[in-house]
Amino acid sequence: MCHLGGADIVADKFQTELTDELKRHGFNIITDVLTKPNYPDEICFNAAICGGCLFGLQRFLSRSLKSRAEKNGLKLVNIRQGYAKCSVCTVAEKAIITDDSGIAHTAAKLGFDVLEIGKGDIYLSDSHYGFIGGCSGKISKDKVVFTGSLDSHSSGRQIRAFLQTHGCNAIELTQDRLKDVGGILPVKEEKKCIHSESTSEAPNAP
């Protein structure tokens, strides 16, 4: 699936349990073709959305995803990295962290502030390393959550400094090594009323 922001989510049409649950929470689900477990079929929803742009290997992305993104005012930006969402940690509207030099170069040309980090310090499996987007997620305006300790990454100090530059704090869920879990995607947020203690939930914009 890919969360386009607000209530719009594009998802695999055969993921009925997931999409039915999201619908119960008020999301607008746009369905598309079945993803297959091999590259490049598995990347049809793997797009990074930030700063008004949708980054992805465009020829393999879902047509429904691209069409809806354009209707929502997003600019389609082609990159060579098929795992775009996995490779990007969004810090601010136009600030990202990535270990992919192609994404870093393209985003910088579009006016993004980019921190390019080293590869290989994020666990995925015994034979493959993970990506920064797969072990992180922005959960509020000033908080980015990580699956493990930034101290386990060779660029950990730079990541902390970059977050602080953009008014964000790191929330480390464990003190273990960073682990790629496929990404942390918050889809709802709690809004507190200024003059009461009541709360309500609503679909979360990116």
Protein backbone atom coordinates (compact mmCIF):
# COMPACT_ATOMS: atom_id res chain seq x y z
CA MET A 1 0.00 0.00 0.00
CA CYS A 2 0.97 3.65 -0.32
CA HIS A 3 -0.48 6.42 1.84
CA LEU A 4 -0.91 9.50 -0.34
CA GLY A 5 -1.76 11.69 2.62
CA GLY A 6 -5.04 12.61 4.27
CA ALA A 7 -7.60 9.84 3.76
CA ASP A 8 -6.24 8.52 0.44
CA ILE A 9 -4.50 5.15 0.34
CA VAL A 10 -3.69 3.12 -2.77
CA ALA A 11 -3.54 -0.59 -2.00
CA ASP A 12 -3.36 -4.05 -3.51
CA LYS A 13 -6.90 -5.12 -4.41
CA PHE A 14 -6.35 -8.57 -2.93
CA GLN A 15 -5.35 -7.22 0.51
CA THR A 16 -8.99 -7.27 1.55
CA GLU A 17 -8.41 -7.73 5.29
CA LEU A 18 -6.13 -4.69 5.35
CA THR A 19 -8.30 -2.49 3.13
CA ASP A 20 -11.52 -3.41 4.96
CA GLU A 21 -9.91 -2.42 8.27
CA LEU A 22 -8.67 0.88 6.83
CA LYS A 23 -12.13 1.63 5.43
CA ARG A 24 -13.60 1.12 8.91
CA HIS A 25 -11.27 3.88 10.07
CA GLY A 26 -12.53 6.30 7.43
CA PHE A 27 -9.91 5.93 4.71
CA ASN A 28 -10.58 6.22 1.00
CA ILE A 29 -9.08 3.11 -0.59
CA ILE A 30 -8.06 3.10 -4.24
CA THR A 31 -7.23 -0.45 -5.34
CA ASP A 32 -4.93 -1.66 -8.08
CA VAL A 33 -3.21 -4.77 -9.41
CA LEU A 34 -1.79 -7.54 -7.26
CA THR A 35 1.83 -7.11 -6.26
CA LYS A 36 4.02 -10.16 -6.90
CA PRO A 37 6.87 -11.32 -4.67
CA ASN A 38 9.62 -10.64 -7.18
CA TYR A 39 11.31 -7.47 -8.39
CA PRO A 40 10.10 -5.32 -10.11
CA ASP A 41 6.46 -6.38 -9.52
CA GLU A 42 6.83 -5.97 -5.76
CA ILE A 43 7.64 -2.25 -5.97
CA CYS A 44 4.44 -0.98 -7.60
CA PHE A 45 3.46 0.92 -4.39
CA ASN A 46 7.01 1.69 -3.22
CA ALA A 47 7.05 5.47 -3.56
CA ALA A 48 8.41 8.16 -1.24
CA ILE A 49 6.16 11.18 -0.80
CA CYS A 50 7.52 14.43 0.59
CA GLY A 51 7.78 18.09 -0.33
CA GLY A 52 4.95 17.86 -2.86
CA CYS A 53 6.78 15.14 -4.81
CA LEU A 54 6.29 11.43 -5.37
CA PHE A 55 9.70 9.80 -5.83
CA GLY A 56 9.80 6.39 -7.47
CA LEU A 57 10.91 4.25 -10.39
CA GLN A 58 7.99 5.53 -12.41
CA ARG A 59 7.70 2.83 -15.09
CA PHE A 60 7.03 0.18 -12.44
CA LEU A 61 4.71 2.16 -10.18
CA SER A 62 0.98 1.48 -10.03
CA ARG A 63 -0.99 3.46 -12.61
CA SER A 64 -3.68 4.15 -10.03
CA LEU A 65 -1.04 5.45 -7.64
CA LYS A 66 0.44 7.84 -10.19
CA SER A 67 -2.96 9.02 -11.42
CA ARG A 68 -4.26 9.74 -7.92
CA ALA A 69 -0.98 11.39 -6.92
CA GLU A 70 -1.23 13.82 -9.82
CA LYS A 71 -4.88 14.56 -8.99
CA ASN A 72 -3.72 15.35 -5.45
CA GLY A 73 -1.19 17.84 -6.84
CA LEU A 74 1.96 15.76 -6.39
CA LYS A 75 4.84 16.01 -8.85
CA LEU A 76 6.02 12.64 -10.18
CA VAL A 77 9.81 12.42 -9.87
CA ASN A 78 11.61 9.54 -11.55
CA ILE A 79 14.55 7.89 -9.81
CA ARG A 80 16.52 4.71 -10.51
CA GLN A 81 16.02 3.21 -7.04
CA GLY A 82 13.02 0.88 -7.08
CA TYR A 83 12.76 0.81 -3.28
CA ALA A 84 12.13 4.53 -2.96
CA LYS A 85 10.03 4.48 0.23
CA CYS A 86 12.46 2.06 1.85
CA SER A 87 15.37 4.36 1.03
CA VAL A 88 13.99 7.65 2.40
CA CYS A 89 13.44 8.91 5.93
CA THR A 90 11.33 12.07 5.82
CA VAL A 91 12.39 14.65 8.41
CA ALA A 92 10.60 17.80 7.26
CA GLU A 93 8.57 19.04 4.29
CA LYS A 94 11.72 19.34 2.18
CA ALA A 95 14.32 17.52 4.25
CA ILE A 96 15.19 13.83 3.92
CA ILE A 97 17.78 11.25 4.96
CA THR A 98 18.86 8.59 2.44
CA ASP A 99 21.73 6.27 1.66
CA ASP A 100 20.95 6.35 -2.07
CA SER A 101 23.17 8.77 -4.01
CA GLY A 102 20.71 8.98 -6.92
CA ILE A 103 17.84 10.02 -4.66
CA ALA A 104 20.13 12.43 -2.82
CA HIS A 105 21.23 14.11 -6.06
CA THR A 106 17.71 14.36 -7.50
CA ALA A 107 16.17 15.68 -4.28
CA ALA A 108 18.94 18.26 -3.82
CA LYS A 109 18.30 19.58 -7.35
CA LEU A 110 14.66 20.05 -6.34
CA GLY A 111 15.67 22.18 -3.35
CA PHE A 112 15.57 19.54 -0.63
CA ASP A 113 17.98 19.54 2.27
CA VAL A 114 19.50 16.05 2.08
CA LEU A 115 21.64 14.07 4.50
CA GLU A 116 23.30 11.20 2.62
CA ILE A 117 24.39 8.48 5.02
CA GLY A 118 26.55 5.38 4.76
CA LYS A 119 25.17 1.99 3.73
CA GLY A 120 25.14 -1.31 5.57
CA ASP A 121 24.51 -0.49 9.24
CA ILE A 122 20.82 -1.43 9.28
CA TYR A 123 19.87 -5.08 9.78
CA LEU A 124 17.47 -6.79 7.40
CA SER A 125 18.68 -10.38 7.23
CA ASP A 126 21.90 -12.31 7.59
CA SER A 127 22.57 -11.86 3.87
CA HIS A 128 21.14 -8.39 3.15
CA TYR A 129 21.37 -4.99 4.81
CA GLY A 130 18.35 -2.77 5.30
CA PHE A 131 17.44 0.83 4.48
CA ILE A 132 16.87 3.97 6.55
CA GLY A 133 13.22 4.30 5.47
CA GLY A 134 12.58 0.73 6.52
CA CYS A 135 13.66 1.34 10.12
CA SER A 136 12.05 4.75 10.67
CA GLY A 137 8.93 6.85 10.35
CA LYS A 138 7.84 10.40 11.12
CA ILE A 139 5.06 10.17 13.70
CA SER A 140 4.47 13.86 14.42
CA LYS A 141 5.68 17.29 13.39
CA ASP A 142 8.74 17.05 15.64
CA LYS A 143 9.29 13.32 16.18
CA VAL A 144 10.94 10.66 14.02
CA VAL A 145 10.82 7.13 15.41
CA PHE A 146 13.53 4.50 14.84
CA THR A 147 13.39 0.76 15.50
CA GLY A 148 16.74 0.78 17.29
CA SER A 149 19.57 2.95 18.54
CA LEU A 150 21.12 5.54 16.24
CA ASP A 151 24.39 4.80 18.03
CA SER A 152 24.48 1.53 16.08
CA HIS A 153 24.82 3.44 12.80
CA SER A 154 28.10 4.90 11.56
CA SER A 155 26.20 8.08 10.62
CA GLY A 156 24.23 8.18 13.87
CA ARG A 157 25.77 11.42 15.11
CA GLN A 158 25.07 13.15 11.79
CA ILE A 159 21.48 11.86 11.81
CA ARG A 160 20.86 13.31 15.27
CA ALA A 161 22.32 16.66 14.24
CA PHE A 162 20.25 16.74 11.04
CA LEU A 163 17.06 16.04 12.98
CA GLN A 164 17.84 18.83 15.44
CA THR A 165 18.52 21.24 12.58
CA HIS A 166 14.97 20.64 11.40
CA GLY A 167 13.38 20.79 14.85
CA CYS A 168 12.92 17.05 15.28
CA ASN A 169 13.76 14.58 18.03
CA ALA A 170 14.68 10.92 17.58
CA ILE A 171 12.50 8.37 19.38
CA GLU A 172 14.46 5.11 19.66
CA LEU A 173 12.17 2.15 20.36
CA THR A 174 14.99 -0.10 21.54
CA GLN A 175 18.69 0.15 22.29
CA ASP A 176 19.39 -2.66 19.84
CA ARG A 177 20.76 -2.40 16.33
CA LEU A 178 18.57 -0.58 13.81
CA LYS A 179 16.37 -3.11 12.02
CA ASP A 180 14.52 -2.71 8.73
CA VAL A 181 10.90 -3.73 9.39
CA GLY A 182 9.58 -2.39 6.09
CA GLY A 183 8.83 1.08 7.42
CA ILE A 184 6.78 2.72 10.16
CA LEU A 185 3.69 4.32 8.69
CA PRO A 186 1.43 6.34 10.99
CA VAL A 187 -1.99 6.71 9.41
CA LYS A 188 -3.97 8.32 12.24
CA GLU A 189 -3.24 11.03 14.75
CA GLU A 190 -4.78 12.14 18.00
CA LYS A 191 -5.88 15.76 18.14
CA LYS A 192 -6.36 17.36 21.54
CA CYS A 193 -8.81 20.19 21.96
CA ILE A 194 -7.29 23.34 23.43
CA HIS A 195 -10.14 24.03 25.87
CA SER A 196 -11.15 20.49 26.81
CA GLU A 197 -9.72 17.10 27.57
CA SER A 198 -11.61 15.34 24.77
CA THR A 199 -9.70 13.85 21.86
CA SER A 200 -10.55 12.72 18.37
CA GLU A 201 -8.78 10.78 15.69
CA ALA A 202 -8.43 11.62 12.01
CA PRO A 203 -6.47 10.41 9.01
CA ASN A 204 -2.91 11.69 9.21
CA ALA A 205 -1.33 13.83 6.50
CA PRO A 206 2.30 13.00 5.64
